[in-house]
Amino acid sequence: MQARKLSSPPVRVNAERARVPGAVPEVLLGLPGRADMEAGEARWPAWKVTVFVTVFCSVFWGGVAYAVTTIAG
């Protein structure tokens, strides 16, 4: 009795599946994709997001540090 290998299908099969028309994964999962975004919808630039996340995390961990030093004395 010969054991079967458990692996991904051959490349040819994957190429054939890629050509099948259908919905993109974002649509299947109900996630908003680029196609769903309105053209006029404003997006934040990356630098603004970076500044926001940095300030938010700094304030949060500063509050945690303050609480720990206050409790610990």
C-alpha atoms as a PDB file:
ATOM      1  CA  MET A   1       0.000   0.000   0.000  1.00  0.00           C
ATOM      2  CA  GLN A   2       1.446   3.344  -1.053  1.00  0.00           C
ATOM      3  CA  ALA A   3       1.038   6.432   1.137  1.00  0.00           C
ATOM      4  CA  ARG A   4      -0.242   9.616  -0.463  1.00  0.00           C
ATOM      5  CA  LYS A   5       1.633  12.857   0.037  1.00  0.00           C
ATOM      6  CA  LEU A   6      -0.320  15.661   1.644  1.00  0.00           C
ATOM      7  CA  SER A   7       0.697  18.773  -0.251  1.00  0.00           C
ATOM      8  CA  SER A   8      -0.751  21.623  -2.235  1.00  0.00           C
ATOM      9  CA  PRO A   9      -2.158  20.838  -5.672  1.00  0.00           C
ATOM     10  CA  PRO A  10       0.150  21.130  -8.676  1.00  0.00           C
ATOM     11  CA  VAL A  11       0.854  24.570 -10.100  1.00  0.00           C
ATOM     12  CA  ARG A  12      -1.303  23.841 -13.139  1.00  0.00           C
ATOM     13  CA  VAL A  13      -4.362  23.292 -10.930  1.00  0.00           C
ATOM     14  CA  ASN A  14      -3.701  26.535  -9.032  1.00  0.00           C
ATOM     15  CA  ALA A  15      -3.397  28.423 -12.327  1.00  0.00           C
ATOM     16  CA  GLU A  16      -6.726  27.013 -13.502  1.00  0.00           C
ATOM     17  CA  ARG A  17      -8.410  28.041 -10.260  1.00  0.00           C
ATOM     18  CA  ALA A  18      -7.007  31.564 -10.609  1.00  0.00           C
ATOM     19  CA  ARG A  19      -8.729  31.976 -13.963  1.00  0.00           C
ATOM     20  CA  VAL A  20     -12.161  31.139 -12.591  1.00  0.00           C
ATOM     21  CA  PRO A  21     -14.266  34.305 -12.483  1.00  0.00           C
ATOM     22  CA  GLY A  22     -15.834  35.147  -9.178  1.00  0.00           C
ATOM     23  CA  ALA A  23     -15.851  37.414  -6.198  1.00  0.00           C
ATOM     24  CA  VAL A  24     -12.619  38.580  -4.626  1.00  0.00           C
ATOM     25  CA  PRO A  25     -11.907  37.340  -1.082  1.00  0.00           C
ATOM     26  CA  GLU A  26     -12.762  40.710   0.484  1.00  0.00           C
ATOM     27  CA  VAL A  27     -16.270  40.468  -0.938  1.00  0.00           C
ATOM     28  CA  LEU A  28     -16.643  36.868   0.194  1.00  0.00           C
ATOM     29  CA  LEU A  29     -15.651  37.807   3.744  1.00  0.00           C
ATOM     30  CA  GLY A  30     -17.748  40.956   3.785  1.00  0.00           C
ATOM     31  CA  LEU A  31     -14.698  43.173   4.215  1.00  0.00           C
ATOM     32  CA  PRO A  32     -14.517  46.575   2.587  1.00  0.00           C
ATOM     33  CA  GLY A  33     -12.105  46.529  -0.320  1.00  0.00           C
ATOM     34  CA  ARG A  34     -10.681  49.322  -2.417  1.00  0.00           C
ATOM     35  CA  ALA A  35     -13.526  48.915  -4.901  1.00  0.00           C
ATOM     36  CA  ASP A  36     -16.064  49.584  -2.139  1.00  0.00           C
ATOM     37  CA  MET A  37     -14.417  52.821  -1.056  1.00  0.00           C
ATOM     38  CA  GLU A  38     -15.929  55.938  -2.495  1.00  0.00           C
ATOM     39  CA  ALA A  39     -13.652  58.039  -4.670  1.00  0.00           C
ATOM     40  CA  GLY A  40     -14.303  61.119  -2.546  1.00  0.00           C
ATOM     41  CA  GLU A  41     -13.627  59.406   0.776  1.00  0.00           C
ATOM     42  CA  ALA A  42     -10.716  61.030   2.582  1.00  0.00           C
ATOM     43  CA  ARG A  43      -7.901  58.798   3.854  1.00  0.00           C
ATOM     44  CA  TRP A  44      -5.387  59.741   6.490  1.00  0.00           C
ATOM     45  CA  PRO A  45      -1.772  59.986   5.350  1.00  0.00           C
ATOM     46  CA  ALA A  46       0.615  57.443   6.873  1.00  0.00           C
ATOM     47  CA  TRP A  47       2.514  60.057   8.881  1.00  0.00           C
ATOM     48  CA  LYS A  48      -0.672  61.194  10.657  1.00  0.00           C
ATOM     49  CA  VAL A  49      -1.555  57.612  11.567  1.00  0.00           C
ATOM     50  CA  THR A  50       1.991  57.059  12.875  1.00  0.00           C
ATOM     51  CA  VAL A  51       1.862  60.200  15.019  1.00  0.00           C
ATOM     52  CA  PHE A  52      -1.571  59.279  16.399  1.00  0.00           C
ATOM     53  CA  VAL A  53      -0.538  55.726  17.316  1.00  0.00           C
ATOM     54  CA  THR A  54       2.723  56.937  18.902  1.00  0.00           C
ATOM     55  CA  VAL A  55       0.975  59.589  21.014  1.00  0.00           C
ATOM     56  CA  PHE A  56      -1.834  57.229  22.018  1.00  0.00           C
ATOM     57  CA  CYS A  57       0.567  54.469  23.093  1.00  0.00           C
ATOM     58  CA  SER A  58       2.783  56.943  24.954  1.00  0.00           C
ATOM     59  CA  VAL A  59      -0.153  58.337  26.906  1.00  0.00           C
ATOM     60  CA  PHE A  60      -1.475  54.845  27.665  1.00  0.00           C
ATOM     61  CA  TRP A  61       1.837  53.429  28.911  1.00  0.00           C
ATOM     62  CA  GLY A  62       2.567  56.665  30.775  1.00  0.00           C
ATOM     63  CA  GLY A  63      -0.738  56.207  32.614  1.00  0.00           C
ATOM     64  CA  VAL A  64       0.100  52.572  33.363  1.00  0.00           C
ATOM     65  CA  ALA A  65       3.523  53.584  34.700  1.00  0.00           C
ATOM     66  CA  TYR A  66       1.967  56.322  36.841  1.00  0.00           C
ATOM     67  CA  ALA A  67      -0.621  53.916  38.261  1.00  0.00           C
ATOM     68  CA  VAL A  68       2.031  51.305  39.075  1.00  0.00           C
ATOM     69  CA  THR A  69       4.340  53.818  40.778  1.00  0.00           C
ATOM     70  CA  THR A  70       1.405  55.258  42.737  1.00  0.00           C
ATOM     71  CA  ILE A  71       0.245  51.838  43.922  1.00  0.00           C
ATOM     72  CA  ALA A  72       3.749  50.499  44.614  1.00  0.00           C
ATOM     73  CA  GLY A  73       4.723  53.656  46.431  1.00  0.00           C
END
